[in-house]
Structure formats: C-alpha cells, structure tokens
N, C-alpha and C. Protein backbone atom coordinates (compact mmCIF):
# COMPACT_ATOMS: atom_id res chain seq x y z
N MET A 1 5.67 -10.22 -54.17
CA MET A 1 4.80 -9.07 -54.33
C MET A 1 3.58 -9.14 -53.41
N ARG A 2 3.26 -10.31 -52.92
CA ARG A 2 2.10 -10.42 -52.02
C ARG A 2 2.27 -9.56 -50.77
N TRP A 3 3.50 -9.45 -50.26
CA TRP A 3 3.70 -8.66 -49.04
C TRP A 3 3.47 -7.18 -49.30
N LEU A 4 3.46 -6.77 -50.58
CA LEU A 4 3.12 -5.39 -50.93
C LEU A 4 1.62 -5.23 -51.19
N GLY A 5 0.90 -6.34 -51.04
CA GLY A 5 -0.53 -6.30 -51.31
C GLY A 5 -0.88 -6.77 -52.70
N GLY A 6 0.08 -7.37 -53.38
CA GLY A 6 -0.14 -7.83 -54.75
C GLY A 6 -1.15 -8.96 -54.83
N ILE A 7 -1.89 -8.96 -55.91
CA ILE A 7 -2.88 -10.01 -56.17
C ILE A 7 -2.39 -10.77 -57.39
N PRO A 8 -2.06 -12.06 -57.24
CA PRO A 8 -1.53 -12.81 -58.38
C PRO A 8 -2.61 -13.07 -59.43
N LEU A 9 -2.18 -13.21 -60.66
CA LEU A 9 -3.08 -13.50 -61.77
C LEU A 9 -2.68 -14.83 -62.38
N ASN A 10 -3.64 -15.74 -62.45
CA ASN A 10 -3.44 -17.00 -63.14
C ASN A 10 -4.00 -16.80 -64.55
N ARG A 11 -3.13 -16.58 -65.52
CA ARG A 11 -3.58 -16.27 -66.88
C ARG A 11 -4.36 -17.42 -67.51
N GLU A 12 -4.11 -18.65 -67.11
CA GLU A 12 -4.86 -19.78 -67.66
C GLU A 12 -6.29 -19.81 -67.12
N ALA A 13 -6.48 -19.41 -65.87
CA ALA A 13 -7.80 -19.49 -65.25
C ALA A 13 -8.63 -18.23 -65.44
N SER A 14 -7.98 -17.12 -65.74
CA SER A 14 -8.67 -15.84 -65.83
C SER A 14 -9.23 -15.63 -67.22
N LYS A 15 -10.56 -15.66 -67.34
CA LYS A 15 -11.20 -15.47 -68.64
C LYS A 15 -11.76 -14.06 -68.80
N ASN A 16 -11.99 -13.37 -67.69
CA ASN A 16 -12.59 -12.05 -67.77
C ASN A 16 -11.86 -11.09 -66.84
N PHE A 17 -10.57 -11.04 -66.99
CA PHE A 17 -9.74 -10.26 -66.07
C PHE A 17 -10.00 -8.76 -66.20
N VAL A 18 -10.31 -8.28 -67.38
CA VAL A 18 -10.56 -6.85 -67.56
C VAL A 18 -11.75 -6.42 -66.73
N ASP A 19 -12.88 -7.10 -66.87
CA ASP A 19 -14.08 -6.74 -66.11
C ASP A 19 -13.86 -6.92 -64.61
N ALA A 20 -13.17 -8.00 -64.22
CA ALA A 20 -12.88 -8.22 -62.80
C ALA A 20 -12.00 -7.11 -62.25
N SER A 21 -11.06 -6.63 -63.05
CA SER A 21 -10.17 -5.55 -62.63
C SER A 21 -10.94 -4.25 -62.44
N ILE A 22 -11.84 -3.96 -63.35
CA ILE A 22 -12.65 -2.75 -63.25
C ILE A 22 -13.49 -2.80 -61.98
N GLU A 23 -14.08 -3.96 -61.70
CA GLU A 23 -14.88 -4.12 -60.48
C GLU A 23 -14.01 -3.98 -59.23
N THR A 24 -12.81 -4.54 -59.27
CA THR A 24 -11.90 -4.43 -58.13
C THR A 24 -11.55 -2.97 -57.86
N TYR A 25 -11.31 -2.20 -58.91
CA TYR A 25 -11.05 -0.77 -58.74
C TYR A 25 -12.25 -0.07 -58.09
N ALA A 26 -13.46 -0.43 -58.52
CA ALA A 26 -14.66 0.21 -57.99
C ALA A 26 -14.84 -0.07 -56.50
N ASN A 27 -14.30 -1.18 -56.02
CA ASN A 27 -14.47 -1.60 -54.63
C ASN A 27 -13.28 -1.29 -53.73
N ASN A 28 -12.28 -0.58 -54.24
CA ASN A 28 -11.09 -0.26 -53.45
C ASN A 28 -10.72 1.20 -53.62
N ASP A 29 -10.44 1.86 -52.52
CA ASP A 29 -10.05 3.27 -52.57
C ASP A 29 -8.62 3.45 -53.06
N ASN A 30 -7.76 2.52 -52.70
CA ASN A 30 -6.34 2.60 -53.07
C ASN A 30 -5.93 1.31 -53.75
N LEU A 31 -5.69 1.39 -55.04
CA LEU A 31 -5.30 0.21 -55.80
C LEU A 31 -4.42 0.63 -56.95
N ILE A 32 -3.33 -0.10 -57.14
CA ILE A 32 -2.42 0.14 -58.25
C ILE A 32 -2.19 -1.18 -58.95
N PHE A 33 -2.35 -1.20 -60.26
CA PHE A 33 -2.02 -2.38 -61.05
C PHE A 33 -0.69 -2.13 -61.73
N ALA A 34 0.18 -3.13 -61.69
CA ALA A 34 1.43 -3.08 -62.44
C ALA A 34 1.37 -4.22 -63.44
N ILE A 35 1.48 -3.89 -64.69
CA ILE A 35 1.37 -4.89 -65.75
C ILE A 35 2.64 -4.85 -66.58
N ALA A 36 3.25 -6.01 -66.79
CA ALA A 36 4.47 -6.09 -67.59
C ALA A 36 4.17 -5.72 -69.03
N PRO A 37 5.09 -5.03 -69.68
CA PRO A 37 4.87 -4.63 -71.07
C PRO A 37 4.98 -5.81 -72.02
N GLU A 38 4.54 -5.58 -73.25
CA GLU A 38 4.67 -6.58 -74.29
C GLU A 38 6.13 -6.83 -74.59
N GLY A 39 6.45 -8.05 -75.02
CA GLY A 39 7.79 -8.35 -75.46
C GLY A 39 8.79 -8.62 -74.35
N THR A 40 8.32 -8.82 -73.12
CA THR A 40 9.28 -9.09 -72.05
C THR A 40 9.72 -10.56 -72.06
N ARG A 41 8.88 -11.43 -72.57
CA ARG A 41 9.23 -12.86 -72.63
C ARG A 41 9.47 -13.33 -74.05
N ALA A 42 8.73 -12.76 -75.00
CA ALA A 42 8.87 -13.14 -76.40
C ALA A 42 8.38 -11.97 -77.26
N SER A 43 8.82 -11.95 -78.49
CA SER A 43 8.41 -10.90 -79.41
C SER A 43 6.92 -11.06 -79.73
N VAL A 44 6.24 -9.94 -79.94
CA VAL A 44 4.82 -9.97 -80.28
C VAL A 44 4.59 -9.17 -81.56
N GLU A 45 3.58 -9.57 -82.34
CA GLU A 45 3.26 -8.85 -83.57
C GLU A 45 2.43 -7.61 -83.30
N ARG A 46 1.56 -7.67 -82.28
CA ARG A 46 0.76 -6.51 -81.92
C ARG A 46 0.52 -6.51 -80.42
N TRP A 47 0.26 -5.34 -79.92
CA TRP A 47 0.07 -5.19 -78.49
C TRP A 47 -1.31 -5.68 -78.08
N LYS A 48 -1.37 -6.28 -76.91
CA LYS A 48 -2.66 -6.60 -76.31
C LYS A 48 -3.22 -5.31 -75.71
N THR A 49 -4.52 -5.26 -75.52
CA THR A 49 -5.16 -4.01 -75.10
C THR A 49 -5.86 -4.09 -73.75
N GLY A 50 -5.74 -5.20 -73.06
CA GLY A 50 -6.43 -5.34 -71.78
C GLY A 50 -6.09 -4.23 -70.81
N PHE A 51 -4.82 -3.85 -70.73
CA PHE A 51 -4.41 -2.78 -69.81
C PHE A 51 -5.16 -1.49 -70.10
N TYR A 52 -5.36 -1.22 -71.37
CA TYR A 52 -6.04 0.01 -71.78
C TYR A 52 -7.51 -0.03 -71.37
N HIS A 53 -8.15 -1.17 -71.63
CA HIS A 53 -9.57 -1.32 -71.28
C HIS A 53 -9.79 -1.28 -69.77
N MET A 54 -8.82 -1.80 -69.01
CA MET A 54 -8.92 -1.72 -67.54
C MET A 54 -8.91 -0.27 -67.09
N ALA A 55 -7.95 0.50 -67.58
CA ALA A 55 -7.84 1.91 -67.19
C ALA A 55 -9.06 2.70 -67.64
N LYS A 56 -9.49 2.48 -68.85
CA LYS A 56 -10.65 3.21 -69.38
C LYS A 56 -11.90 2.87 -68.58
N GLY A 57 -12.14 1.58 -68.34
CA GLY A 57 -13.33 1.15 -67.62
C GLY A 57 -13.35 1.59 -66.17
N ALA A 58 -12.17 1.66 -65.55
CA ALA A 58 -12.08 2.07 -64.15
C ALA A 58 -11.93 3.58 -64.01
N ASN A 59 -11.78 4.26 -65.13
CA ASN A 59 -11.60 5.71 -65.15
C ASN A 59 -10.39 6.15 -64.32
N VAL A 60 -9.27 5.46 -64.58
CA VAL A 60 -8.01 5.78 -63.93
C VAL A 60 -6.95 6.03 -65.00
N PRO A 61 -5.95 6.84 -64.69
CA PRO A 61 -4.91 7.11 -65.69
C PRO A 61 -3.93 5.95 -65.81
N LEU A 62 -3.25 5.91 -66.94
CA LEU A 62 -2.15 4.98 -67.14
C LEU A 62 -0.86 5.69 -66.75
N ALA A 63 -0.07 5.07 -65.89
CA ALA A 63 1.24 5.60 -65.54
C ALA A 63 2.25 4.85 -66.41
N LEU A 64 2.86 5.55 -67.33
CA LEU A 64 3.80 4.92 -68.25
C LEU A 64 5.17 4.83 -67.59
N ALA A 65 5.41 3.67 -67.01
CA ALA A 65 6.68 3.42 -66.31
C ALA A 65 7.66 2.77 -67.27
N TYR A 66 8.93 2.91 -66.97
CA TYR A 66 9.94 2.33 -67.85
C TYR A 66 11.21 1.98 -67.09
N PHE A 67 11.94 1.05 -67.65
CA PHE A 67 13.31 0.74 -67.27
C PHE A 67 14.10 0.78 -68.57
N ASP A 68 14.99 1.72 -68.71
CA ASP A 68 15.79 1.85 -69.92
C ASP A 68 17.16 1.22 -69.63
N PHE A 69 17.40 0.08 -70.26
CA PHE A 69 18.63 -0.64 -69.99
C PHE A 69 19.84 0.00 -70.67
N ALA A 70 19.63 0.81 -71.70
CA ALA A 70 20.75 1.49 -72.36
C ALA A 70 21.29 2.62 -71.49
N THR A 71 20.40 3.33 -70.83
CA THR A 71 20.83 4.46 -69.99
C THR A 71 20.86 4.12 -68.51
N ARG A 72 20.45 2.91 -68.18
CA ARG A 72 20.38 2.46 -66.78
C ARG A 72 19.55 3.44 -65.95
N SER A 73 18.38 3.75 -66.48
CA SER A 73 17.47 4.65 -65.78
C SER A 73 16.07 4.08 -65.82
N GLY A 74 15.21 4.63 -65.00
CA GLY A 74 13.83 4.18 -64.98
C GLY A 74 12.98 5.17 -64.23
N GLY A 75 11.69 4.96 -64.30
CA GLY A 75 10.78 5.84 -63.59
C GLY A 75 9.40 5.81 -64.20
N ILE A 76 8.60 6.77 -63.79
CA ILE A 76 7.29 6.97 -64.39
C ILE A 76 7.41 8.25 -65.20
N GLY A 77 7.34 8.10 -66.49
CA GLY A 77 7.61 9.23 -67.36
C GLY A 77 6.42 10.05 -67.74
N LYS A 78 5.23 9.48 -67.68
CA LYS A 78 4.06 10.19 -68.16
C LYS A 78 2.81 9.55 -67.59
N MET A 79 1.85 10.40 -67.25
CA MET A 79 0.52 9.92 -66.87
C MET A 79 -0.39 10.20 -68.06
N LEU A 80 -1.12 9.18 -68.48
CA LEU A 80 -1.97 9.32 -69.64
C LEU A 80 -3.41 8.99 -69.27
N ASN A 81 -4.28 9.96 -69.42
CA ASN A 81 -5.71 9.71 -69.25
C ASN A 81 -6.26 9.20 -70.57
N THR A 82 -7.00 8.11 -70.53
CA THR A 82 -7.57 7.57 -71.75
C THR A 82 -8.64 8.51 -72.28
N THR A 83 -8.82 8.48 -73.59
CA THR A 83 -9.81 9.33 -74.24
C THR A 83 -10.79 8.44 -75.01
N ASP A 84 -11.61 9.06 -75.83
CA ASP A 84 -12.51 8.29 -76.68
C ASP A 84 -11.85 7.87 -77.99
N ASN A 85 -10.57 8.18 -78.14
CA ASN A 85 -9.83 7.83 -79.34
C ASN A 85 -8.71 6.86 -78.97
N MET A 86 -9.05 5.59 -78.92
CA MET A 86 -8.09 4.57 -78.49
C MET A 86 -6.88 4.50 -79.43
N ASP A 87 -7.10 4.65 -80.73
CA ASP A 87 -5.97 4.60 -81.66
C ASP A 87 -4.96 5.69 -81.35
N ALA A 88 -5.43 6.90 -81.09
CA ALA A 88 -4.52 8.01 -80.77
C ALA A 88 -3.83 7.78 -79.43
N ASP A 89 -4.57 7.25 -78.46
CA ASP A 89 -3.97 6.96 -77.15
C ASP A 89 -2.88 5.90 -77.28
N MET A 90 -3.16 4.83 -78.04
CA MET A 90 -2.17 3.78 -78.21
C MET A 90 -0.95 4.30 -78.97
N GLN A 91 -1.17 5.20 -79.91
CA GLN A 91 -0.04 5.79 -80.63
C GLN A 91 0.81 6.64 -79.69
N ALA A 92 0.16 7.38 -78.78
CA ALA A 92 0.89 8.18 -77.80
C ALA A 92 1.73 7.27 -76.89
N ILE A 93 1.18 6.13 -76.51
CA ILE A 93 1.92 5.17 -75.67
C ILE A 93 3.12 4.63 -76.44
N ALA A 94 2.90 4.23 -77.70
CA ALA A 94 4.00 3.72 -78.53
C ALA A 94 5.09 4.77 -78.71
N ASP A 95 4.68 6.02 -78.93
CA ASP A 95 5.65 7.10 -79.10
C ASP A 95 6.47 7.32 -77.83
N PHE A 96 5.82 7.17 -76.66
CA PHE A 96 6.54 7.32 -75.40
C PHE A 96 7.62 6.24 -75.26
N TYR A 97 7.27 4.98 -75.61
CA TYR A 97 8.21 3.88 -75.40
C TYR A 97 9.23 3.69 -76.52
N ARG A 98 9.01 4.30 -77.66
CA ARG A 98 9.90 4.10 -78.81
C ARG A 98 11.38 4.33 -78.47
N PRO A 99 11.77 5.39 -77.76
CA PRO A 99 13.20 5.59 -77.48
C PRO A 99 13.74 4.78 -76.29
N VAL A 100 12.89 4.06 -75.59
CA VAL A 100 13.32 3.30 -74.41
C VAL A 100 13.86 1.94 -74.87
N THR A 101 15.03 1.56 -74.34
CA THR A 101 15.64 0.28 -74.67
C THR A 101 15.38 -0.71 -73.54
N GLY A 102 14.64 -1.76 -73.85
CA GLY A 102 14.34 -2.79 -72.87
C GLY A 102 15.48 -3.77 -72.71
N LYS A 103 15.32 -4.68 -71.77
CA LYS A 103 16.36 -5.68 -71.51
C LYS A 103 16.57 -6.56 -72.73
N ASN A 104 15.47 -6.90 -73.40
CA ASN A 104 15.54 -7.71 -74.62
C ASN A 104 14.99 -6.87 -75.78
N PRO A 105 15.78 -5.93 -76.29
CA PRO A 105 15.26 -4.99 -77.29
C PRO A 105 14.75 -5.65 -78.56
N ASN A 106 15.24 -6.83 -78.89
CA ASN A 106 14.76 -7.51 -80.09
C ASN A 106 13.32 -8.00 -79.94
N ASN A 107 12.82 -8.06 -78.70
CA ASN A 107 11.45 -8.50 -78.46
C ASN A 107 10.44 -7.36 -78.56
N TYR A 108 10.90 -6.14 -78.63
CA TYR A 108 10.01 -4.99 -78.62
C TYR A 108 9.58 -4.62 -80.03
N ASN A 109 8.30 -4.44 -80.22
CA ASN A 109 7.77 -4.02 -81.51
C ASN A 109 7.04 -2.70 -81.33
N PRO A 110 7.67 -1.57 -81.64
CA PRO A 110 7.01 -0.28 -81.46
C PRO A 110 6.01 0.03 -82.57
N ASP A 111 5.98 -0.79 -83.62
CA ASP A 111 5.07 -0.56 -84.73
C ASP A 111 3.71 -1.16 -84.37
N ILE A 112 2.75 -0.29 -84.07
CA ILE A 112 1.43 -0.79 -83.67
C ILE A 112 0.44 -0.75 -84.82
N THR A 113 0.95 -0.72 -86.06
CA THR A 113 0.04 -0.66 -87.19
C THR A 113 -0.83 -1.89 -87.29
N GLY A 114 -0.41 -3.01 -86.69
CA GLY A 114 -1.25 -4.20 -86.69
C GLY A 114 -2.36 -4.12 -85.66
N PHE A 115 -2.35 -3.07 -84.88
CA PHE A 115 -3.36 -2.87 -83.84
C PHE A 115 -4.59 -2.27 -84.48
N ASN A 116 -5.75 -2.88 -84.24
CA ASN A 116 -6.99 -2.38 -84.84
C ASN A 116 -8.08 -2.36 -83.78
N THR A 117 -8.45 -1.18 -83.35
CA THR A 117 -9.45 -1.06 -82.29
C THR A 117 -10.84 -1.43 -82.77
N ALA A 118 -11.08 -1.37 -84.05
CA ALA A 118 -12.41 -1.66 -84.56
C ALA A 118 -12.74 -3.14 -84.49
N THR A 119 -11.74 -4.00 -84.61
CA THR A 119 -12.00 -5.44 -84.63
C THR A 119 -11.49 -6.15 -83.41
N LYS A 120 -10.69 -5.51 -82.59
CA LYS A 120 -10.07 -6.17 -81.44
C LYS A 120 -10.76 -5.75 -80.16
N LYS A 121 -11.29 -6.73 -79.43
CA LYS A 121 -11.86 -6.45 -78.12
C LYS A 121 -10.75 -6.58 -77.08
N ALA A 122 -11.10 -6.39 -75.83
CA ALA A 122 -10.12 -6.46 -74.74
C ALA A 122 -9.39 -7.78 -74.76
N SER A 123 -8.07 -7.73 -74.53
CA SER A 123 -7.25 -8.94 -74.49
C SER A 123 -7.16 -9.47 -73.10
C-alpha cells in the first residue's frame, strides 16, 4: 500500500491516532483513509469509534465501502456525513452493513446496543 501513498499504522506505538489523523487531514489537500471493519480478525462485542471521531474531527464524510462475499460484489454504497447525533449515525452505519456478508460472517456483530457514546471516548 505504500506505493499508493499509504501511511502504515503501528497500533502498539500509536496512542493518539485520532488526533494525529485529524491533523494530517488538515495539512493535506488530498487524503483518503481506509480502515478495516470490525470483526475481520476476531469477533468483537462492540464497535470501536475511532473512525467516526476521525471523520467528525476532520469534517470529512465516511464512505461506507463493502465486500459482500455472498454475492461476490463490492463497492462504496453510501457516503455518510457525521452529525451531532453519534448514536443515530452509528445506527445508520450498522443498518447499512447488516445485509452484507463478510468473509468471516461469524465475526460480525451488527448489534451495536453495547455501544455507548456517553461513556466511550475515541478508540
């Protein structure tokens, strides 16, 4: 991905990736972040929210991309501008992905009821 201009992320060393990402957006005219969805390596109980905070802080839309392994299709299905209602935005994202079948469908948890914006800061 480096030859496409990708910037690698060391998750062990990165303690403030959300703020660094927002600053990187502010300093670049053309920048696209691609972030792997939850459940690609292991099942999760609730979604992390760093991607959302990056988009909101940088004032950029979320492009909801997908690969549906059941239909062998993929693409960018929806552009979502973040609002002041994170719970509603996250529900809209969950609703978009609910019918999509991932490579490891048992790892996907479309139930975001464990997600709580009031107590959870950026992941």
